[in-house]
Amino acid sequence: AVSTCVNCNGHSFEVVLFTPIGDSRKLSMVQCSN
């Protein structure tokens, strides 16, 4: 199976770190790299 982005039909994904609003810890999120 090939994973596909529901928004742009891309097939590449990446892990990014982000800090939610009002929080001090970083979380890991998988997002479409396109």
PDB file of all heavy atoms in Angstrom:
ATOM      1  N   ALA A   1       0.849  -1.182   0.000  1.00  0.00           N
ATOM      2  CA  ALA A   1       0.000   0.000   0.000  1.00  0.00           C
ATOM      3  C   ALA A   1       0.889   1.239   0.000  1.00  0.00           C
ATOM      4  O   ALA A   1       1.981   1.231   0.558  1.00  0.00           O
ATOM      5  CB  ALA A   1      -0.893   0.008   1.228  1.00  0.00           C
ATOM      6  N   VAL A   2       0.434   2.289  -0.641  1.00  0.00           N
ATOM      7  CA  VAL A   2       1.173   3.544  -0.688  1.00  0.00           C
ATOM      8  C   VAL A   2       0.377   4.586   0.092  1.00  0.00           C
ATOM      9  O   VAL A   2      -0.782   4.856  -0.228  1.00  0.00           O
ATOM     10  CB  VAL A   2       1.383   4.012  -2.147  1.00  0.00           C
ATOM     11  CG1 VAL A   2       2.085   5.351  -2.185  1.00  0.00           C
ATOM     12  CG2 VAL A   2       2.154   2.970  -2.937  1.00  0.00           C
ATOM     13  N   SER A   3       0.991   5.148   1.126  1.00  0.00           N
ATOM     14  CA  SER A   3       0.327   6.193   1.902  1.00  0.00           C
ATOM     15  C   SER A   3       0.189   7.444   1.047  1.00  0.00           C
ATOM     16  O   SER A   3       1.126   7.829   0.348  1.00  0.00           O
ATOM     17  CB  SER A   3       1.137   6.520   3.156  1.00  0.00           C
ATOM     18  OG  SER A   3       1.211   5.379   3.983  1.00  0.00           O
ATOM     19  N   THR A   4      -0.977   8.058   1.120  1.00  0.00           N
ATOM     20  CA  THR A   4      -1.270   9.235   0.295  1.00  0.00           C
ATOM     21  C   THR A   4      -1.866  10.333   1.163  1.00  0.00           C
ATOM     22  O   THR A   4      -2.762  10.088   1.967  1.00  0.00           O
ATOM     23  CB  THR A   4      -2.273   8.865  -0.824  1.00  0.00           C
ATOM     24  OG1 THR A   4      -1.735   7.782  -1.578  1.00  0.00           O
ATOM     25  CG2 THR A   4      -2.540  10.031  -1.739  1.00  0.00           C
ATOM     26  N   CYS A   5      -1.377  11.548   0.981  1.00  0.00           N
ATOM     27  CA  CYS A   5      -1.905  12.708   1.699  1.00  0.00           C
ATOM     28  C   CYS A   5      -3.331  12.978   1.223  1.00  0.00           C
ATOM     29  O   CYS A   5      -3.593  12.993   0.013  1.00  0.00           O
ATOM     30  CB  CYS A   5      -1.022  13.928   1.443  1.00  0.00           C
ATOM     31  SG  CYS A   5      -1.673  15.455   2.169  1.00  0.00           S
ATOM     32  N   VAL A   6      -4.232  13.216   2.165  1.00  0.00           N
ATOM     33  CA  VAL A   6      -5.628  13.476   1.807  1.00  0.00           C
ATOM     34  C   VAL A   6      -5.815  14.864   1.191  1.00  0.00           C
ATOM     35  O   VAL A   6      -6.812  15.109   0.516  1.00  0.00           O
ATOM     36  CB  VAL A   6      -6.565  13.324   3.028  1.00  0.00           C
ATOM     37  CG1 VAL A   6      -6.567  11.907   3.539  1.00  0.00           C
ATOM     38  CG2 VAL A   6      -6.182  14.286   4.136  1.00  0.00           C
ATOM     39  N   ASN A   7      -4.855  15.756   1.397  1.00  0.00           N
ATOM     40  CA  ASN A   7      -4.983  17.125   0.900  1.00  0.00           C
ATOM     41  C   ASN A   7      -4.411  17.300  -0.509  1.00  0.00           C
ATOM     42  O   ASN A   7      -5.064  17.876  -1.377  1.00  0.00           O
ATOM     43  CB  ASN A   7      -4.297  18.095   1.870  1.00  0.00           C
ATOM     44  CG  ASN A   7      -4.545  19.536   1.514  1.00  0.00           C
ATOM     45  OD1 ASN A   7      -5.680  19.928   1.266  1.00  0.00           O
ATOM     46  ND2 ASN A   7      -3.490  20.323   1.500  1.00  0.00           N
ATOM     47  N   CYS A   8      -3.175  16.813  -0.738  1.00  0.00           N
ATOM     48  CA  CYS A   8      -2.506  17.079  -2.026  1.00  0.00           C
ATOM     49  C   CYS A   8      -2.161  15.812  -2.812  1.00  0.00           C
ATOM     50  O   CYS A   8      -1.564  15.901  -3.876  1.00  0.00           O
ATOM     51  CB  CYS A   8      -1.235  17.892  -1.778  1.00  0.00           C
ATOM     52  SG  CYS A   8       0.100  16.932  -1.021  1.00  0.00           S
ATOM     53  N   ASN A   9      -2.516  14.642  -2.278  1.00  0.00           N
ATOM     54  CA  ASN A   9      -2.205  13.344  -2.901  1.00  0.00           C
ATOM     55  C   ASN A   9      -0.715  13.051  -2.958  1.00  0.00           C
ATOM     56  O   ASN A   9      -0.274  12.223  -3.747  1.00  0.00           O
ATOM     57  CB  ASN A   9      -2.822  13.231  -4.299  1.00  0.00           C
ATOM     58  CG  ASN A   9      -4.330  13.181  -4.245  1.00  0.00           C
ATOM     59  OD1 ASN A   9      -4.903  12.591  -3.321  1.00  0.00           O
ATOM     60  ND2 ASN A   9      -4.983  13.815  -5.192  1.00  0.00           N
ATOM     61  N   GLY A  10       0.086  13.729  -2.127  1.00  0.00           N
ATOM     62  CA  GLY A  10       1.521  13.466  -2.056  1.00  0.00           C
ATOM     63  C   GLY A  10       1.810  12.140  -1.376  1.00  0.00           C
ATOM     64  O   GLY A  10       0.950  11.560  -0.700  1.00  0.00           O
ATOM     65  N   HIS A  11       3.048  11.654  -1.542  1.00  0.00           N
ATOM     66  CA  HIS A  11       3.432  10.359  -0.981  1.00  0.00           C
ATOM     67  C   HIS A  11       4.660  10.459  -0.081  1.00  0.00           C
ATOM     68  O   HIS A  11       5.229   9.440   0.292  1.00  0.00           O
ATOM     69  CB  HIS A  11       3.715   9.356  -2.104  1.00  0.00           C
ATOM     70  CG  HIS A  11       2.545   9.135  -3.006  1.00  0.00           C
ATOM     71  ND1 HIS A  11       1.385   8.500  -2.597  1.00  0.00           N
ATOM     72  CD2 HIS A  11       2.336   9.490  -4.290  1.00  0.00           C
ATOM     73  CE1 HIS A  11       0.528   8.460  -3.594  1.00  0.00           C
ATOM     74  NE2 HIS A  11       1.069   9.055  -4.633  1.00  0.00           N
ATOM     75  N   SER A  12       5.100  11.650   0.257  1.00  0.00           N
ATOM     76  CA  SER A  12       6.275  11.833   1.119  1.00  0.00           C
ATOM     77  C   SER A  12       5.840  12.460   2.435  1.00  0.00           C
ATOM     78  O   SER A  12       5.074  13.423   2.447  1.00  0.00           O
ATOM     79  CB  SER A  12       7.304  12.742   0.446  1.00  0.00           C
ATOM     80  OG  SER A  12       7.749  12.164  -0.757  1.00  0.00           O
ATOM     81  N   PHE A  13       6.373  11.921   3.531  1.00  0.00           N
ATOM     82  CA  PHE A  13       5.998  12.404   4.846  1.00  0.00           C
ATOM     83  C   PHE A  13       7.247  12.639   5.673  1.00  0.00           C
ATOM     84  O   PHE A  13       8.297  12.074   5.395  1.00  0.00           O
ATOM     85  CB  PHE A  13       5.070  11.399   5.538  1.00  0.00           C
ATOM     86  CG  PHE A  13       3.826  11.146   4.736  1.00  0.00           C
ATOM     87  CD1 PHE A  13       3.777  10.112   3.815  1.00  0.00           C
ATOM     88  CD2 PHE A  13       2.722  11.958   4.867  1.00  0.00           C
ATOM     89  CE1 PHE A  13       2.650   9.892   3.048  1.00  0.00           C
ATOM     90  CE2 PHE A  13       1.584  11.754   4.108  1.00  0.00           C
ATOM     91  CZ  PHE A  13       1.543  10.718   3.190  1.00  0.00           C
ATOM     92  N   GLU A  14       7.130  13.502   6.678  1.00  0.00           N
ATOM     93  CA  GLU A  14       8.269  13.832   7.527  1.00  0.00           C
ATOM     94  C   GLU A  14       7.808  13.985   8.961  1.00  0.00           C
ATOM     95  O   GLU A  14       6.629  14.237   9.220  1.00  0.00           O
ATOM     96  CB  GLU A  14       8.941  15.112   7.049  1.00  0.00           C
ATOM     97  CG  GLU A  14       8.016  16.321   7.057  1.00  0.00           C
ATOM     98  CD  GLU A  14       8.599  17.529   6.352  1.00  0.00           C
ATOM     99  OE1 GLU A  14       9.733  17.459   5.861  1.00  0.00           O
ATOM    100  OE2 GLU A  14       7.899  18.552   6.296  1.00  0.00           O
ATOM    101  N   VAL A  15       8.749  13.825   9.889  1.00  0.00           N
ATOM    102  CA  VAL A  15       8.470  14.038  11.307  1.00  0.00           C
ATOM    103  C   VAL A  15       9.018  15.406  11.678  1.00  0.00           C
ATOM    104  O   VAL A  15      10.170  15.719  11.382  1.00  0.00           O
ATOM    105  CB  VAL A  15       9.139  12.944  12.169  1.00  0.00           C
ATOM    106  CG1 VAL A  15       8.924  13.223  13.653  1.00  0.00           C
ATOM    107  CG2 VAL A  15       8.602  11.574  11.804  1.00  0.00           C
ATOM    108  N   VAL A  16       8.180  16.229  12.293  1.00  0.00           N
ATOM    109  CA  VAL A  16       8.595  17.564  12.715  1.00  0.00           C
ATOM    110  C   VAL A  16       8.277  17.737  14.196  1.00  0.00           C
ATOM    111  O   VAL A  16       7.357  17.118  14.727  1.00  0.00           O
ATOM    112  CB  VAL A  16       7.904  18.678  11.897  1.00  0.00           C
ATOM    113  CG1 VAL A  16       8.320  18.622  10.439  1.00  0.00           C
ATOM    114  CG2 VAL A  16       6.400  18.580  12.010  1.00  0.00           C
ATOM    115  N   LEU A  17       9.068  18.555  14.866  1.00  0.00           N
ATOM    116  CA  LEU A  17       8.814  18.893  16.258  1.00  0.00           C
ATOM    117  C   LEU A  17       8.072  20.218  16.309  1.00  0.00           C
ATOM    118  O   LEU A  17       8.375  21.138  15.552  1.00  0.00           O
ATOM    119  CB  LEU A  17      10.127  19.005  17.028  1.00  0.00           C
ATOM    120  CG  LEU A  17      10.909  17.716  17.201  1.00  0.00           C
ATOM    121  CD1 LEU A  17      12.252  18.001  17.867  1.00  0.00           C
ATOM    122  CD2 LEU A  17      10.122  16.714  18.023  1.00  0.00           C
ATOM    123  N   PHE A  18       7.084  20.325  17.175  1.00  0.00           N
ATOM    124  CA  PHE A  18       6.384  21.589  17.345  1.00  0.00           C
ATOM    125  C   PHE A  18       5.971  21.734  18.795  1.00  0.00           C
ATOM    126  O   PHE A  18       5.899  20.769  19.547  1.00  0.00           O
ATOM    127  CB  PHE A  18       5.182  21.687  16.404  1.00  0.00           C
ATOM    128  CG  PHE A  18       3.989  20.897  16.844  1.00  0.00           C
ATOM    129  CD1 PHE A  18       2.918  21.522  17.461  1.00  0.00           C
ATOM    130  CD2 PHE A  18       3.932  19.527  16.655  1.00  0.00           C
ATOM    131  CE1 PHE A  18       1.816  20.789  17.877  1.00  0.00           C
ATOM    132  CE2 PHE A  18       2.845  18.793  17.069  1.00  0.00           C
ATOM    133  CZ  PHE A  18       1.785  19.419  17.677  1.00  0.00           C
ATOM    134  N   THR A  19       5.717  22.968  19.202  1.00  0.00           N
ATOM    135  CA  THR A  19       5.269  23.281  20.557  1.00  0.00           C
ATOM    136  C   THR A  19       3.837  23.795  20.474  1.00  0.00           C
ATOM    137  O   THR A  19       3.581  24.820  19.835  1.00  0.00           O
ATOM    138  CB  THR A  19       6.164  24.361  21.197  1.00  0.00           C
ATOM    139  OG1 THR A  19       7.521  23.925  21.147  1.00  0.00           O
ATOM    140  CG2 THR A  19       5.772  24.630  22.629  1.00  0.00           C
ATOM    141  N   PRO A  20       2.877  23.090  21.089  1.00  0.00           N
ATOM    142  CA  PRO A  20       1.491  23.561  21.060  1.00  0.00           C
ATOM    143  C   PRO A  20       1.355  24.913  21.777  1.00  0.00           C
ATOM    144  O   PRO A  20       2.109  25.210  22.711  1.00  0.00           O
ATOM    145  CB  PRO A  20       0.727  22.475  21.836  1.00  0.00           C
ATOM    146  CG  PRO A  20       1.618  21.288  21.834  1.00  0.00           C
ATOM    147  CD  PRO A  20       3.017  21.808  21.772  1.00  0.00           C
ATOM    148  N   ILE A  21       0.404  25.705  21.358  1.00  0.00           N
ATOM    149  CA  ILE A  21       0.147  27.011  21.988  1.00  0.00           C
ATOM    150  C   ILE A  21      -0.188  26.789  23.461  1.00  0.00           C
ATOM    151  O   ILE A  21      -1.004  25.943  23.805  1.00  0.00           O
ATOM    152  CB  ILE A  21      -1.004  27.738  21.265  1.00  0.00           C
ATOM    153  CG1 ILE A  21      -0.605  28.041  19.831  1.00  0.00           C
ATOM    154  CG2 ILE A  21      -1.410  29.009  22.010  1.00  0.00           C
ATOM    155  CD1 ILE A  21      -1.724  28.599  18.973  1.00  0.00           C
ATOM    156  N   GLY A  22       0.479  27.543  24.331  1.00  0.00           N
ATOM    157  CA  GLY A  22       0.231  27.446  25.756  1.00  0.00           C
ATOM    158  C   GLY A  22       0.934  26.295  26.440  1.00  0.00           C
ATOM    159  O   GLY A  22       0.658  25.994  27.590  1.00  0.00           O
ATOM    160  N   ASP A  23       1.853  25.626  25.736  1.00  0.00           N
ATOM    161  CA  ASP A  23       2.574  24.492  26.306  1.00  0.00           C
ATOM    162  C   ASP A  23       4.069  24.710  26.114  1.00  0.00           C
ATOM    163  O   ASP A  23       4.484  25.463  25.235  1.00  0.00           O
ATOM    164  CB  ASP A  23       2.144  23.206  25.608  1.00  0.00           C
ATOM    165  CG  ASP A  23       2.344  21.959  26.449  1.00  0.00           C
ATOM    166  OD1 ASP A  23       3.123  22.016  27.417  1.00  0.00           O
ATOM    167  OD2 ASP A  23       1.719  20.936  26.136  1.00  0.00           O
ATOM    168  N   SER A  24       4.869  24.094  26.942  1.00  0.00           N
ATOM    169  CA  SER A  24       6.318  24.269  26.801  1.00  0.00           C
ATOM    170  C   SER A  24       7.010  23.031  26.257  1.00  0.00           C
ATOM    171  O   SER A  24       8.186  23.079  25.910  1.00  0.00           O
ATOM    172  CB  SER A  24       6.924  24.626  28.165  1.00  0.00           C
ATOM    173  OG  SER A  24       6.682  23.575  29.091  1.00  0.00           O
ATOM    174  N   ARG A  25       6.301  21.927  26.161  1.00  0.00           N
ATOM    175  CA  ARG A  25       6.938  20.692  25.671  1.00  0.00           C
ATOM    176  C   ARG A  25       6.800  20.582  24.159  1.00  0.00           C
ATOM    177  O   ARG A  25       5.866  21.100  23.561  1.00  0.00           O
ATOM    178  CB  ARG A  25       6.337  19.475  26.352  1.00  0.00           C
ATOM    179  CG  ARG A  25       4.874  19.304  26.083  1.00  0.00           C
ATOM    180  CD  ARG A  25       4.252  18.242  26.984  1.00  0.00           C
ATOM    181  NE  ARG A  25       2.815  18.335  26.824  1.00  0.00           N
ATOM    182  CZ  ARG A  25       2.063  17.367  26.348  1.00  0.00           C
ATOM    183  NH1 ARG A  25       2.606  16.211  26.037  1.00  0.00           N
ATOM    184  NH2 ARG A  25       0.777  17.534  26.203  1.00  0.00           N
ATOM    185  N   LYS A  26       7.766  19.915  23.566  1.00  0.00           N
ATOM    186  CA  LYS A  26       7.739  19.690  22.122  1.00  0.00           C
ATOM    187  C   LYS A  26       7.096  18.336  21.832  1.00  0.00           C
ATOM    188  O   LYS A  26       7.325  17.377  22.544  1.00  0.00           O
ATOM    189  CB  LYS A  26       9.144  19.730  21.547  1.00  0.00           C
ATOM    190  CG  LYS A  26       9.748  21.116  21.570  1.00  0.00           C
ATOM    191  CD  LYS A  26      10.973  21.159  20.684  1.00  0.00           C
ATOM    192  CE  LYS A  26      11.592  22.529  20.713  1.00  0.00           C
ATOM    193  NZ  LYS A  26      10.992  23.430  19.768  1.00  0.00           N
ATOM    194  N   LEU A  27       6.292  18.296  20.787  1.00  0.00           N
ATOM    195  CA  LEU A  27       5.652  17.061  20.353  1.00  0.00           C
ATOM    196  C   LEU A  27       6.132  16.718  18.952  1.00  0.00           C
ATOM    197  O   LEU A  27       6.534  17.596  18.184  1.00  0.00           O
ATOM    198  CB  LEU A  27       4.127  17.225  20.354  1.00  0.00           C
ATOM    199  CG  LEU A  27       3.488  17.562  21.699  1.00  0.00           C
ATOM    200  CD1 LEU A  27       1.993  17.804  21.518  1.00  0.00           C
ATOM    201  CD2 LEU A  27       3.737  16.447  22.696  1.00  0.00           C
ATOM    202  N   SER A  28       6.076  15.450  18.620  1.00  0.00           N
ATOM    203  CA  SER A  28       6.447  14.990  17.284  1.00  0.00           C
ATOM    204  C   SER A  28       5.182  14.778  16.466  1.00  0.00           C
ATOM    205  O   SER A  28       4.247  14.121  16.910  1.00  0.00           O
ATOM    206  CB  SER A  28       7.224  13.672  17.364  1.00  0.00           C
ATOM    207  OG  SER A  28       8.408  13.838  18.077  1.00  0.00           O
ATOM    208  N   MET A  29       5.168  15.363  15.269  1.00  0.00           N
ATOM    209  CA  MET A  29       4.014  15.250  14.397  1.00  0.00           C
ATOM    210  C   MET A  29       4.478  14.738  13.034  1.00  0.00           C
ATOM    211  O   MET A  29       5.518  15.159  12.529  1.00  0.00           O
ATOM    212  CB  MET A  29       3.354  16.622  14.225  1.00  0.00           C
ATOM    213  CG  MET A  29       2.194  16.621  13.251  1.00  0.00           C
ATOM    214  SD  MET A  29       1.386  18.227  13.105  1.00  0.00           S
ATOM    215  CE  MET A  29       2.689  19.248  12.466  1.00  0.00           C
ATOM    216  N   VAL A  30       3.710  13.834  12.449  1.00  0.00           N
ATOM    217  CA  VAL A  30       3.961  13.381  11.078  1.00  0.00           C
ATOM    218  C   VAL A  30       3.122  14.265  10.172  1.00  0.00           C
ATOM    219  O   VAL A  30       1.924  14.457  10.410  1.00  0.00           O
ATOM    220  CB  VAL A  30       3.571  11.901  10.896  1.00  0.00           C
ATOM    221  CG1 VAL A  30       3.797  11.463   9.455  1.00  0.00           C
ATOM    222  CG2 VAL A  30       4.341  11.014  11.863  1.00  0.00           C
ATOM    223  N   GLN A  31       3.780  14.829   9.154  1.00  0.00           N
ATOM    224  CA  GLN A  31       3.059  15.705   8.227  1.00  0.00           C
ATOM    225  C   GLN A  31       3.489  15.407   6.801  1.00  0.00           C
ATOM    226  O   GLN A  31       4.550  14.828   6.560  1.00  0.00           O
ATOM    227  CB  GLN A  31       3.308  17.171   8.554  1.00  0.00           C
ATOM    228  CG  GLN A  31       4.693  17.659   8.236  1.00  0.00           C
ATOM    229  CD  GLN A  31       4.876  19.130   8.557  1.00  0.00           C
ATOM    230  OE1 GLN A  31       4.136  19.706   9.327  1.00  0.00           O
ATOM    231  NE2 GLN A  31       5.883  19.741   7.966  1.00  0.00           N
ATOM    232  N   CYS A  32       2.649  15.805   5.862  1.00  0.00           N
ATOM    233  CA  CYS A  32       2.981  15.678   4.442  1.00  0.00           C
ATOM    234  C   CYS A  32       4.150  16.620   4.157  1.00  0.00           C
ATOM    235  O   CYS A  32       4.104  17.800   4.514  1.00  0.00           O
ATOM    236  CB  CYS A  32       1.766  16.056   3.595  1.00  0.00           C
ATOM    237  SG  CYS A  32       2.103  16.081   1.818  1.00  0.00           S
ATOM    238  N   SER A  33       5.201  16.098   3.543  1.00  0.00           N
ATOM    239  CA  SER A  33       6.356  16.956   3.270  1.00  0.00           C
ATOM    240  C   SER A  33       6.103  17.890   2.092  1.00  0.00           C
ATOM    241  O   SER A  33       6.833  18.851   1.895  1.00  0.00           O
ATOM    242  CB  SER A  33       7.614  16.113   3.020  1.00  0.00           C
ATOM    243  OG  SER A  33       7.414  15.246   1.928  1.00  0.00           O
ATOM    244  N   ASN A  34       5.044  17.660   1.345  1.00  0.00           N
ATOM    245  CA  ASN A  34       4.720  18.526   0.214  1.00  0.00           C
ATOM    246  C   ASN A  34       3.888  19.740   0.644  1.00  0.00           C
ATOM    247  O   ASN A  34       4.238  20.866   0.339  1.00  0.00           O
ATOM    248  CB  ASN A  34       3.973  17.719  -0.857  1.00  0.00           C
ATOM    249  CG  ASN A  34       3.745  18.495  -2.123  1.00  0.00           C
ATOM    250  OD1 ASN A  34       4.638  19.188  -2.598  1.00  0.00           O
ATOM    251  ND2 ASN A  34       2.563  18.395  -2.678  1.00  0.00           N
TER     252      ASN A  34
END
